[in-house]
Amino acid sequence: MNDETESAVAQRLDQGILHGLLGRQLRVTYLAVFRTIEEQLTGLGITPQQFGLLVIVDRNPGARQTLIAKARGLDKSTLVPMIDRLERDNLLERRPLATDRRIRAIWITERGREVLRKAVPIVQKGDDLLRAHLSEGELAELIRLMEKVREGLGVTD
């Protein structure tokens, strides 16, 4: 069976209640955009998660790892390897905090800024794919509804 035929057969599989689950609908939509962005960012040597980290560090130079982790909704065990990798690739660097040399602050490097400059249009294009099929009113309503759901779940943005 070739890939095209297999995809067509997979589309016809009975998925029971899955189609009606809002969480599944959100995930499928997210993954469709995520994969498009991920493929293109690979050419720059970063992942979408690393892109998010570069944005936060670029906008908040010298922030502590703990603050960055909270802002990204990550725990330390997830964030530290990401920073390690980006530091190895010369995109971020750790420096001692001026007020407490035991604490490391995170800074973006010039190379990191260059990669980020190239990555922003890629990510923006992915976001534009989402927006393209919605009117301004629909987009505003979708954002409002997603904020309402997150608020109900006790999740801050």
Protein backbone atom coordinates (compact mmCIF):
# COMPACT_ATOMS: atom_id res chain seq x y z
CA MET A 1 0.00 0.00 0.00
CA ASN A 2 1.50 3.37 -0.96
CA ASP A 3 1.48 6.40 1.37
CA GLU A 4 -1.37 8.13 -0.46
CA THR A 5 -3.62 5.08 -0.29
CA GLU A 6 -2.70 4.45 3.33
CA SER A 7 -3.57 8.05 4.22
CA ALA A 8 -6.95 7.73 2.51
CA VAL A 9 -7.69 4.50 4.38
CA ALA A 10 -6.56 6.05 7.67
CA GLN A 11 -8.99 8.96 7.12
CA ARG A 12 -11.89 6.49 6.96
CA LEU A 13 -11.08 4.73 10.23
CA ASP A 14 -13.85 5.01 12.81
CA GLN A 15 -12.46 7.19 15.59
CA GLY A 16 -15.50 7.04 17.85
CA ILE A 17 -15.84 10.01 20.17
CA LEU A 18 -12.48 11.49 19.20
CA HIS A 19 -13.89 13.83 16.53
CA GLY A 20 -16.15 15.47 19.08
CA LEU A 21 -13.47 16.08 21.71
CA LEU A 22 -12.50 19.74 21.89
CA GLY A 23 -9.03 18.92 23.23
CA ARG A 24 -8.40 16.68 20.25
CA GLN A 25 -9.58 19.39 17.84
CA LEU A 26 -7.19 21.89 19.44
CA ARG A 27 -4.32 19.38 19.34
CA VAL A 28 -4.86 18.42 15.68
CA THR A 29 -4.97 22.09 14.67
CA TYR A 30 -1.89 22.90 16.75
CA LEU A 31 0.08 19.96 15.33
CA ALA A 32 -0.76 20.90 11.75
CA VAL A 33 0.77 24.34 12.20
CA PHE A 34 3.54 23.13 14.52
CA ARG A 35 4.82 20.59 11.97
CA THR A 36 4.95 23.21 9.21
CA ILE A 37 6.92 25.60 11.40
CA GLU A 38 9.11 22.83 12.82
CA GLU A 39 10.20 21.67 9.35
CA GLN A 40 11.25 25.17 8.37
CA LEU A 41 13.00 26.02 11.64
CA THR A 42 15.06 22.83 11.33
CA GLY A 43 16.97 24.60 8.56
CA LEU A 44 18.04 27.19 11.13
CA GLY A 45 19.03 24.51 13.64
CA ILE A 46 16.30 25.26 16.19
CA THR A 47 12.96 23.84 17.27
CA PRO A 48 9.74 25.78 17.88
CA GLN A 49 10.34 25.44 21.64
CA GLN A 50 13.82 26.87 21.26
CA PHE A 51 12.40 29.70 19.17
CA GLY A 52 10.10 30.58 22.07
CA LEU A 53 13.02 30.53 24.47
CA LEU A 54 15.12 32.77 22.20
CA VAL A 55 12.24 35.28 21.99
CA ILE A 56 11.87 35.43 25.79
CA VAL A 57 15.62 35.84 26.36
CA ASP A 58 15.96 38.43 23.60
CA ARG A 59 13.12 40.50 25.09
CA ASN A 60 14.36 40.00 28.69
CA PRO A 61 18.17 40.05 28.61
CA GLY A 62 19.77 38.85 31.80
CA ALA A 63 16.67 37.10 33.15
CA ARG A 64 17.20 34.23 35.59
CA GLN A 65 16.50 30.66 34.50
CA THR A 66 13.72 30.28 37.07
CA LEU A 67 11.83 33.29 35.69
CA ILE A 68 12.25 32.10 32.12
CA ALA A 69 10.99 28.64 33.08
CA LYS A 70 7.88 30.13 34.67
CA ALA A 71 7.24 32.41 31.69
CA ARG A 72 7.48 29.44 29.30
CA GLY A 73 5.51 27.08 31.55
CA LEU A 74 8.46 24.71 31.82
CA ASP A 75 10.10 22.99 34.74
CA LYS A 76 13.83 23.29 35.37
CA SER A 77 14.54 19.75 34.14
CA THR A 78 13.12 20.70 30.72
CA LEU A 79 14.58 24.20 30.50
CA VAL A 80 18.18 23.45 31.49
CA PRO A 81 18.87 21.01 28.62
CA MET A 82 17.33 23.52 26.18
CA ILE A 83 19.61 26.26 27.46
CA ASP A 84 22.59 23.86 27.40
CA ARG A 85 21.94 23.08 23.74
CA LEU A 86 21.46 26.72 22.75
CA GLU A 87 24.59 27.67 24.68
CA ARG A 88 26.55 24.90 22.90
CA ASP A 89 25.30 26.30 19.59
CA ASN A 90 26.38 29.80 20.64
CA LEU A 91 22.83 31.16 20.58
CA LEU A 92 22.54 31.86 24.32
CA GLU A 93 25.04 32.36 27.11
CA ARG A 94 24.93 32.15 30.88
CA ARG A 95 26.54 34.90 32.91
CA PRO A 96 26.73 35.38 36.66
CA LEU A 97 24.07 37.74 37.99
CA ALA A 98 25.68 41.02 39.03
CA THR A 99 23.92 41.02 42.42
CA ASP A 100 24.53 37.33 43.21
CA ARG A 101 27.34 35.58 41.33
CA ARG A 102 25.96 32.15 42.28
CA ILE A 103 22.92 32.76 40.08
CA ARG A 104 23.27 32.56 36.30
CA ALA A 105 21.42 34.98 34.07
CA ILE A 106 20.67 34.12 30.45
CA TRP A 107 21.64 36.34 27.53
CA ILE A 108 21.15 36.00 23.79
CA THR A 109 24.29 36.13 21.66
CA GLU A 110 24.73 37.97 18.37
CA ARG A 111 24.42 34.64 16.57
CA GLY A 112 21.23 33.99 18.54
CA ARG A 113 19.81 37.32 17.41
CA GLU A 114 20.66 36.50 13.80
CA VAL A 115 18.93 33.10 13.99
CA LEU A 116 15.94 34.73 15.70
CA ARG A 117 15.77 37.41 12.99
CA LYS A 118 15.53 34.65 10.36
CA ALA A 119 13.09 32.55 12.41
CA VAL A 120 10.49 35.26 13.09
CA PRO A 121 9.16 35.37 9.48
CA ILE A 122 8.93 31.57 9.44
CA VAL A 123 6.87 31.48 12.62
CA GLN A 124 4.79 34.46 11.49
CA LYS A 125 4.00 32.67 8.24
CA GLY A 126 2.74 29.67 10.25
CA ASP A 127 0.55 31.97 12.32
CA ASP A 128 -0.71 33.60 9.12
CA LEU A 129 -1.86 30.14 7.95
CA LEU A 130 -4.15 29.98 10.98
CA ARG A 131 -5.48 33.50 10.47
CA ALA A 132 -6.02 33.17 6.72
CA HIS A 133 -9.32 31.31 7.02
CA LEU A 134 -10.84 33.57 9.68
CA SER A 135 -12.38 37.02 9.45
CA GLU A 136 -11.19 39.66 11.92
CA GLY A 137 -14.35 39.08 13.96
CA GLU A 138 -13.89 35.30 13.97
CA LEU A 139 -10.26 35.68 14.96
CA ALA A 140 -11.15 38.01 17.85
CA GLU A 141 -13.87 35.59 18.98
CA LEU A 142 -11.52 32.58 18.76
CA ILE A 143 -8.89 34.35 20.83
CA ARG A 144 -11.50 35.42 23.38
CA LEU A 145 -12.84 31.86 23.64
CA MET A 146 -9.37 30.32 24.01
CA GLU A 147 -8.57 32.84 26.76
CA LYS A 148 -11.85 31.92 28.47
CA VAL A 149 -11.00 28.20 28.33
CA ARG A 150 -7.48 28.82 29.71
CA GLU A 151 -8.92 30.99 32.47
CA GLY A 152 -11.38 28.22 33.37
CA LEU A 153 -8.47 25.79 33.56
CA GLY A 154 -6.49 28.20 35.75
CA VAL A 155 -3.81 28.59 33.08
CA THR A 156 -2.18 31.97 32.61
CA ASP A 157 -0.66 33.02 29.32
